Amino acid sequence: MSETRLGARAAVAFAAAVATMLLPSGCGGSTQVSGPYRALIVSLATAVSSRDAAGLESNATLIERRRSEGGLSPEEYEAFRSILTKAKAGDWESAEEEAYALRDGQTPTAEDLDNLAKRKLPPEYETPKTLRKGGRW
């Protein structure tokens, strides 16, 4: 093979590797869930990680209700359904990975950042505690 062809192949391989690194990883990780439904991510991840069939069913009911009310976008609904389907099939580990990827893939909204900026520490945390003798508070 000529050096030109090898150089072109190397360039294509490099571009493909860079593109792969820039793409979101994991199923469902790139779906952004709107603010009112982000609590569903946490609830669903909790049910899946604890292998809680009743909690899973409760989340499934709530997700279906939100969809029928027109609250969830098709992308949001599909992300939740994918996790539910895996968990209901007994593939708890994959469902858990997908739920965590969905949770970790959320970017903060302007409202999230504003709420965070306005938070104050409770009074009991304003002054640092000191350890007493023996390493106790």
C-alpha atoms as a PDB file:
ATOM      1  CA  MET A   1       0.000   0.000   0.000  1.00  0.00           C
ATOM      2  CA  SER A   2       1.210   3.491  -0.694  1.00  0.00           C
ATOM      3  CA  GLU A   3       2.015   5.988   2.046  1.00  0.00           C
ATOM      4  CA  THR A   4      -0.829   8.210   0.808  1.00  0.00           C
ATOM      5  CA  ARG A   5      -3.408   5.468   1.273  1.00  0.00           C
ATOM      6  CA  LEU A   6      -2.010   4.574   4.711  1.00  0.00           C
ATOM      7  CA  GLY A   7      -2.077   8.241   5.745  1.00  0.00           C
ATOM      8  CA  ALA A   8      -5.682   8.594   4.571  1.00  0.00           C
ATOM      9  CA  ARG A   9      -6.731   5.445   6.436  1.00  0.00           C
ATOM     10  CA  ALA A  10      -4.992   6.638   9.586  1.00  0.00           C
ATOM     11  CA  ALA A  11      -6.749  10.000   9.304  1.00  0.00           C
ATOM     12  CA  VAL A  12     -10.137   8.316   8.885  1.00  0.00           C
ATOM     13  CA  ALA A  13      -9.468   5.986  11.827  1.00  0.00           C
ATOM     14  CA  PHE A  14      -8.401   8.923  13.987  1.00  0.00           C
ATOM     15  CA  ALA A  15     -11.505  10.937  13.029  1.00  0.00           C
ATOM     16  CA  ALA A  16     -13.725   7.948  13.839  1.00  0.00           C
ATOM     17  CA  ALA A  17     -12.066   7.532  17.235  1.00  0.00           C
ATOM     18  CA  VAL A  18     -12.528  11.210  18.081  1.00  0.00           C
ATOM     19  CA  ALA A  19     -16.168  11.139  16.945  1.00  0.00           C
ATOM     20  CA  THR A  20     -16.814   8.078  19.110  1.00  0.00           C
ATOM     21  CA  MET A  21     -15.358   9.819  22.165  1.00  0.00           C
ATOM     22  CA  LEU A  22     -17.552  12.864  21.571  1.00  0.00           C
ATOM     23  CA  LEU A  23     -20.778  10.867  21.340  1.00  0.00           C
ATOM     24  CA  PRO A  24     -22.708  10.319  24.580  1.00  0.00           C
ATOM     25  CA  SER A  25     -22.001   6.932  26.072  1.00  0.00           C
ATOM     26  CA  GLY A  26     -24.554   4.455  27.349  1.00  0.00           C
ATOM     27  CA  CYS A  27     -28.160   3.969  26.386  1.00  0.00           C
ATOM     28  CA  GLY A  28     -30.420   6.784  27.428  1.00  0.00           C
ATOM     29  CA  GLY A  29     -27.536   8.889  28.735  1.00  0.00           C
ATOM     30  CA  SER A  30     -28.114  11.655  26.227  1.00  0.00           C
ATOM     31  CA  THR A  31     -31.860  12.094  26.769  1.00  0.00           C
ATOM     32  CA  GLN A  32     -32.577  15.265  28.716  1.00  0.00           C
ATOM     33  CA  VAL A  33     -35.553  14.930  31.037  1.00  0.00           C
ATOM     34  CA  SER A  34     -37.500  18.099  31.761  1.00  0.00           C
ATOM     35  CA  GLY A  35     -37.399  19.504  35.286  1.00  0.00           C
ATOM     36  CA  PRO A  36     -40.755  18.264  36.581  1.00  0.00           C
ATOM     37  CA  TYR A  37     -39.884  14.675  35.642  1.00  0.00           C
ATOM     38  CA  ARG A  38     -36.293  14.485  36.854  1.00  0.00           C
ATOM     39  CA  ALA A  39     -37.472  13.094  40.195  1.00  0.00           C
ATOM     40  CA  LEU A  40     -38.727  10.076  38.236  1.00  0.00           C
ATOM     41  CA  ILE A  41     -35.131   9.305  37.277  1.00  0.00           C
ATOM     42  CA  VAL A  42     -34.088   9.110  40.921  1.00  0.00           C
ATOM     43  CA  SER A  43     -37.148   7.117  41.927  1.00  0.00           C
ATOM     44  CA  LEU A  44     -36.694   4.661  39.076  1.00  0.00           C
ATOM     45  CA  ALA A  45     -32.950   4.300  39.732  1.00  0.00           C
ATOM     46  CA  THR A  46     -33.693   3.605  43.394  1.00  0.00           C
ATOM     47  CA  ALA A  47     -36.258   0.925  42.576  1.00  0.00           C
ATOM     48  CA  VAL A  48     -33.940  -0.712  40.066  1.00  0.00           C
ATOM     49  CA  SER A  49     -30.813  -0.594  42.233  1.00  0.00           C
ATOM     50  CA  SER A  50     -32.695  -2.083  45.192  1.00  0.00           C
ATOM     51  CA  ARG A  51     -34.404  -4.699  42.975  1.00  0.00           C
ATOM     52  CA  ASP A  52     -37.740  -3.458  44.313  1.00  0.00           C
ATOM     53  CA  ALA A  53     -40.464  -4.958  42.099  1.00  0.00           C
ATOM     54  CA  ALA A  54     -43.234  -2.982  43.840  1.00  0.00           C
ATOM     55  CA  GLY A  55     -41.299   0.257  43.438  1.00  0.00           C
ATOM     56  CA  LEU A  56     -40.640  -0.595  39.812  1.00  0.00           C
ATOM     57  CA  GLU A  57     -44.351  -1.134  39.196  1.00  0.00           C
ATOM     58  CA  SER A  58     -45.205   2.099  40.984  1.00  0.00           C
ATOM     59  CA  ASN A  59     -42.776   3.965  38.725  1.00  0.00           C
ATOM     60  CA  ALA A  60     -44.170   2.228  35.641  1.00  0.00           C
ATOM     61  CA  THR A  61     -47.690   3.354  36.575  1.00  0.00           C
ATOM     62  CA  LEU A  62     -46.541   6.921  37.167  1.00  0.00           C
ATOM     63  CA  ILE A  63     -44.583   7.025  33.891  1.00  0.00           C
ATOM     64  CA  GLU A  64     -47.603   5.765  31.945  1.00  0.00           C
ATOM     65  CA  ARG A  65     -49.814   8.350  33.655  1.00  0.00           C
ATOM     66  CA  ARG A  66     -47.406  11.177  32.815  1.00  0.00           C
ATOM     67  CA  ARG A  67     -47.258   9.984  29.215  1.00  0.00           C
ATOM     68  CA  SER A  68     -51.050   9.815  28.884  1.00  0.00           C
ATOM     69  CA  GLU A  69     -51.304  13.338  30.315  1.00  0.00           C
ATOM     70  CA  GLY A  70     -48.927  14.507  27.598  1.00  0.00           C
ATOM     71  CA  GLY A  71     -46.212  15.446  30.055  1.00  0.00           C
ATOM     72  CA  LEU A  72     -43.405  13.219  28.831  1.00  0.00           C
ATOM     73  CA  SER A  73     -41.828  13.720  25.425  1.00  0.00           C
ATOM     74  CA  PRO A  74     -41.472  10.595  23.261  1.00  0.00           C
ATOM     75  CA  GLU A  75     -37.716  10.604  23.989  1.00  0.00           C
ATOM     76  CA  GLU A  76     -38.237  10.851  27.746  1.00  0.00           C
ATOM     77  CA  TYR A  77     -40.848   8.116  27.654  1.00  0.00           C
ATOM     78  CA  GLU A  78     -38.600   5.805  25.634  1.00  0.00           C
ATOM     79  CA  ALA A  79     -35.680   6.336  28.021  1.00  0.00           C
ATOM     80  CA  PHE A  80     -37.869   5.363  30.987  1.00  0.00           C
ATOM     81  CA  ARG A  81     -39.509   2.453  29.145  1.00  0.00           C
ATOM     82  CA  SER A  82     -36.136   1.018  28.178  1.00  0.00           C
ATOM     83  CA  ILE A  83     -35.078   0.867  31.824  1.00  0.00           C
ATOM     84  CA  LEU A  84     -38.422  -0.596  32.901  1.00  0.00           C
ATOM     85  CA  THR A  85     -38.357  -3.245  30.183  1.00  0.00           C
ATOM     86  CA  LYS A  86     -34.905  -4.468  31.192  1.00  0.00           C
ATOM     87  CA  ALA A  87     -35.773  -4.571  34.891  1.00  0.00           C
ATOM     88  CA  LYS A  88     -39.075  -6.367  34.298  1.00  0.00           C
ATOM     89  CA  ALA A  89     -37.209  -8.943  32.208  1.00  0.00           C
ATOM     90  CA  GLY A  90     -34.925  -9.575  35.186  1.00  0.00           C
ATOM     91  CA  ASP A  91     -31.906  -7.780  33.730  1.00  0.00           C
ATOM     92  CA  TRP A  92     -31.534  -5.604  36.793  1.00  0.00           C
ATOM     93  CA  GLU A  93     -27.848  -4.842  36.205  1.00  0.00           C
ATOM     94  CA  SER A  94     -28.400  -3.421  32.711  1.00  0.00           C
ATOM     95  CA  ALA A  95     -31.441  -1.502  33.923  1.00  0.00           C
ATOM     96  CA  GLU A  96     -29.397  -0.069  36.780  1.00  0.00           C
ATOM     97  CA  GLU A  97     -26.549   0.964  34.460  1.00  0.00           C
ATOM     98  CA  GLU A  98     -29.021   2.615  32.108  1.00  0.00           C
ATOM     99  CA  ALA A  99     -30.820   4.411  34.943  1.00  0.00           C
ATOM    100  CA  TYR A 100     -27.534   5.766  36.279  1.00  0.00           C
ATOM    101  CA  ALA A 101     -26.450   6.794  32.770  1.00  0.00           C
ATOM    102  CA  LEU A 102     -29.728   8.676  32.366  1.00  0.00           C
ATOM    103  CA  ARG A 103     -29.282  10.328  35.758  1.00  0.00           C
ATOM    104  CA  ASP A 104     -25.650  11.232  35.141  1.00  0.00           C
ATOM    105  CA  GLY A 105     -26.379  12.486  31.623  1.00  0.00           C
ATOM    106  CA  GLN A 106     -28.623  15.309  32.792  1.00  0.00           C
ATOM    107  CA  THR A 107     -27.272  18.815  32.362  1.00  0.00           C
ATOM    108  CA  PRO A 108     -28.363  21.425  34.864  1.00  0.00           C
ATOM    109  CA  THR A 109     -30.989  23.866  33.662  1.00  0.00           C
ATOM    110  CA  ALA A 110     -30.841  27.596  34.364  1.00  0.00           C
ATOM    111  CA  GLU A 111     -33.423  26.985  37.092  1.00  0.00           C
ATOM    112  CA  ASP A 112     -31.261  24.247  38.634  1.00  0.00           C
ATOM    113  CA  LEU A 113     -28.261  26.576  38.743  1.00  0.00           C
ATOM    114  CA  ASP A 114     -30.328  29.413  40.198  1.00  0.00           C
ATOM    115  CA  ASN A 115     -31.717  27.146  42.925  1.00  0.00           C
ATOM    116  CA  LEU A 116     -28.226  25.960  43.761  1.00  0.00           C
ATOM    117  CA  ALA A 117     -26.903  29.520  43.953  1.00  0.00           C
ATOM    118  CA  LYS A 118     -29.685  30.538  46.372  1.00  0.00           C
ATOM    119  CA  ARG A 119     -29.161  27.696  48.819  1.00  0.00           C
ATOM    120  CA  LYS A 120     -27.836  28.497  52.237  1.00  0.00           C
ATOM    121  CA  LEU A 121     -26.456  26.120  54.763  1.00  0.00           C
ATOM    122  CA  PRO A 122     -28.730  25.337  57.698  1.00  0.00           C
ATOM    123  CA  PRO A 123     -27.679  27.117  60.919  1.00  0.00           C
ATOM    124  CA  GLU A 124     -26.277  23.921  62.426  1.00  0.00           C
ATOM    125  CA  TYR A 125     -23.704  23.785  59.625  1.00  0.00           C
ATOM    126  CA  GLU A 126     -22.652  27.429  59.706  1.00  0.00           C
ATOM    127  CA  THR A 127     -20.017  26.874  62.380  1.00  0.00           C
ATOM    128  CA  PRO A 128     -17.754  23.872  62.049  1.00  0.00           C
ATOM    129  CA  LYS A 129     -17.952  21.189  64.678  1.00  0.00           C
ATOM    130  CA  THR A 130     -14.856  20.169  66.555  1.00  0.00           C
ATOM    131  CA  LEU A 131     -13.981  16.704  67.646  1.00  0.00           C
ATOM    132  CA  ARG A 132     -14.029  15.939  71.333  1.00  0.00           C
ATOM    133  CA  LYS A 133     -11.442  13.767  72.965  1.00  0.00           C
ATOM    134  CA  GLY A 134     -11.766  10.252  71.669  1.00  0.00           C
ATOM    135  CA  GLY A 135     -12.729  11.328  68.155  1.00  0.00           C
ATOM    136  CA  ARG A 136     -16.435  11.969  68.850  1.00  0.00           C
ATOM    137  CA  TRP A 137     -18.517  15.034  68.014  1.00  0.00           C
END
